[in-house]
Protein backbone atom coordinates (compact mmCIF):
# COMPACT_ATOMS: atom_id res chain seq x y z
CA MET A 1 6.34 21.87 123.91
CA LEU A 2 6.09 23.55 127.53
CA ARG A 3 9.73 24.89 128.52
CA VAL A 4 10.13 25.12 131.93
CA ALA A 5 13.00 27.46 133.96
CA ILE A 6 13.90 25.80 137.82
CA ILE A 7 15.46 28.42 140.06
CA THR A 8 16.32 27.04 143.57
CA ILE A 9 16.66 29.21 146.31
CA SER A 10 18.92 28.34 149.57
CA THR A 11 21.76 30.43 150.68
CA SER A 12 23.51 27.49 152.72
CA LYS A 13 23.27 25.08 149.32
CA SER A 14 24.17 27.50 147.00
CA ALA A 15 27.38 27.86 149.04
CA GLY A 16 28.11 24.23 149.40
CA ASP A 17 26.55 23.52 152.68
CA GLY A 18 24.79 20.19 152.77
CA GLU A 19 22.73 18.26 149.72
CA ASP A 20 20.36 20.20 147.21
CA LEU A 21 17.31 18.34 147.04
CA GLY A 22 15.51 21.06 146.37
CA THR A 23 17.08 21.11 142.45
CA PRO A 24 16.23 17.16 141.70
CA ALA A 25 12.31 17.81 143.25
CA LEU A 26 11.71 20.62 140.96
CA LYS A 27 13.46 18.63 137.92
CA GLN A 28 10.86 15.52 138.51
CA TYR A 29 8.10 18.03 138.74
CA VAL A 30 9.11 19.17 135.19
CA ASP A 31 9.22 15.65 134.21
CA ARG A 32 5.74 15.39 135.74
CA LEU A 33 4.32 18.14 133.80
CA GLY A 34 5.62 16.50 130.71
CA ALA A 35 7.82 19.86 129.65
CA GLU A 36 11.07 20.65 128.39
CA LEU A 37 13.76 21.80 131.08
CA VAL A 38 15.91 24.53 129.92
CA GLY A 39 17.32 26.07 132.56
CA GLU A 40 17.96 24.94 136.31
CA GLU A 41 19.94 27.53 138.66
CA LEU A 42 20.76 27.25 142.84
CA ILE A 43 21.36 30.75 144.30
CA PRO A 44 21.21 32.29 147.69
CA ASP A 45 18.28 34.01 148.94
CA ASP A 46 19.27 37.35 147.65
CA ARG A 47 16.11 39.59 146.52
CA ALA A 48 18.02 41.68 143.99
CA GLN A 49 19.53 37.96 142.14
CA ILE A 50 16.15 36.19 142.91
CA GLU A 51 14.36 38.89 140.91
CA GLU A 52 17.26 39.42 138.51
CA ARG A 53 16.83 35.65 137.62
CA ILE A 54 13.26 35.19 137.36
CA LYS A 55 13.17 38.43 134.76
CA HIS A 56 16.32 36.76 132.88
CA TRP A 57 14.20 33.60 132.48
CA CYS A 58 10.53 35.27 131.50
CA GLU A 59 12.72 36.71 128.75
CA PRO A 60 10.76 35.96 125.33
CA GLN A 61 12.27 32.82 124.11
CA ARG A 62 13.60 31.50 126.90
CA ALA A 63 10.92 29.82 129.02
CA ASP A 64 7.06 29.66 129.69
CA LEU A 65 7.30 28.34 132.96
CA VAL A 66 9.40 29.58 135.98
CA LEU A 67 9.54 27.14 138.79
CA THR A 68 11.03 28.21 142.17
CA SER A 69 11.65 26.56 145.15
CA GLY A 70 12.64 27.84 148.60
CA GLY A 71 12.60 31.44 150.16
CA THR A 72 8.72 31.26 151.19
CA GLY A 73 8.94 30.80 154.80
CA LEU A 74 8.63 33.52 157.50
CA SER A 75 12.35 33.65 158.67
CA PRO A 76 14.13 36.68 157.78
CA SER A 77 16.21 35.61 155.08
CA ASP A 78 13.06 34.11 153.18
CA VAL A 79 12.60 36.82 150.46
CA THR A 80 11.50 35.16 147.38
CA PRO A 81 7.61 35.94 147.16
CA GLU A 82 8.89 39.98 147.71
CA ALA A 83 11.04 39.10 144.97
CA THR A 84 8.50 37.40 142.53
CA MET A 85 5.74 40.30 143.53
CA ALA A 86 8.45 42.69 142.15
CA VAL A 87 9.10 41.73 139.39
CA VAL A 88 5.46 39.97 137.51
CA GLU A 89 2.92 42.27 136.01
CA LYS A 90 -0.07 40.47 136.80
CA GLU A 91 -0.48 38.41 140.20
CA ALA A 92 -2.47 34.55 140.07
CA PRO A 93 -3.45 34.31 143.38
CA GLY A 94 -5.69 30.94 143.14
CA ILE A 95 -2.01 29.12 141.77
CA ALA A 96 -1.05 30.27 145.29
CA GLU A 97 -3.49 29.01 147.41
CA ALA A 98 -3.97 25.83 145.76
CA LEU A 99 -0.33 24.99 146.56
CA ARG A 100 -1.12 26.20 150.31
CA LEU A 101 -4.16 24.18 150.31
CA ALA A 102 -3.09 20.92 148.73
CA SER A 103 -0.11 21.46 151.88
CA LYS A 104 -3.00 21.22 154.02
CA GLU A 105 -3.33 17.32 154.28
CA HIS A 106 0.83 17.47 154.38
CA THR A 107 1.91 19.38 156.85
CA LYS A 108 0.45 21.37 159.92
CA TYR A 109 2.43 24.29 158.76
CA TRP A 110 0.97 24.58 155.03
CA MET A 111 -0.55 27.94 156.42
CA MET A 112 2.64 29.62 157.39
CA SER A 113 3.83 29.54 153.71
CA ARG A 114 4.14 33.11 151.45
CA GLY A 115 4.57 31.45 147.86
CA VAL A 116 3.16 33.49 144.82
CA ALA A 117 2.63 33.15 141.62
CA GLY A 118 2.27 35.30 138.88
CA VAL A 119 2.81 36.53 135.31
CA ARG A 120 5.67 38.41 133.71
CA ASN A 121 5.97 38.61 130.04
CA ARG A 122 3.63 35.72 128.73
CA ALA A 123 5.62 33.44 131.53
CA LEU A 124 4.02 32.05 134.43
CA VAL A 125 6.22 31.80 137.45
CA ILE A 126 5.48 30.07 140.96
CA ASN A 127 7.16 29.71 143.94
CA PHE A 128 7.12 26.34 145.73
CA PRO A 129 8.29 25.42 149.45
CA GLY A 130 11.31 24.83 150.07
CA ASN A 131 10.94 21.43 151.17
CA PRO A 132 11.74 18.59 148.47
CA ARG A 133 8.52 16.29 149.50
CA ALA A 134 6.41 19.55 149.70
CA ILE A 135 7.35 20.31 145.83
CA ALA A 136 5.04 17.38 144.27
CA GLU A 137 2.38 17.26 147.51
CA ALA A 138 1.81 20.66 146.88
CA GLY A 139 2.17 20.56 142.92
CA GLU A 140 -0.64 17.89 142.31
CA PRO A 141 -3.15 19.69 141.94
CA LEU A 142 -1.57 21.71 139.59
CA VAL A 143 -1.10 19.04 137.01
CA ASP A 144 -3.74 19.51 134.95
CA VAL A 145 -4.64 22.73 135.12
CA LEU A 146 -1.00 24.34 134.59
CA GLU A 147 -2.09 22.84 130.73
CA HIS A 148 -4.88 25.08 130.07
CA ALA A 149 -3.06 28.11 132.02
CA MET A 150 -0.50 27.91 129.55
CA ALA A 151 -2.67 27.95 126.27
CA LEU A 152 -3.52 30.98 127.37
CA LEU A 153 -0.64 32.87 128.22
CA ILE A 154 0.95 31.01 124.76
CA ASP A 155 -2.32 31.97 123.17
CA ASP A 156 -2.21 28.87 121.06
CA GLY A 157 -5.64 28.57 120.43
CA SER A 158 -6.61 25.97 122.77
CA GLY A 159 -7.28 27.77 125.82
CA HIS A 160 -10.84 28.83 124.83
């Protein structure tokens, strides 16, 4: 079974300011994938901490897929893409492009998302938007594709 870790990135929510709706939205997406949730975290928009937590979950035997939510916009505190690119070994630009394209029909701001995707230690890392509704909307086209992508990464023989 696919093992998934989720990291919600929000300085205000991690400080207890308001309700965290990102984590429940990511959990629903993990359920939609039929995957096992192996860890969840809510952390601030701190580049070093984001890098460290992605690296933690990408270690062998921890998670096959790491989903982040938040920190992908244009504000000065939005550093999730930079943190992700600092730790992945290989970029998967088509996945990030698909997330943006899927958002196009739901928001006029779709092109402002800077989320990225990539691979570290055979784990796939995907940056989702911070808007909880956008997680399901943008992620829907990936549901069927992720099975094939993960088979290639895990090398279980069903990829080719």
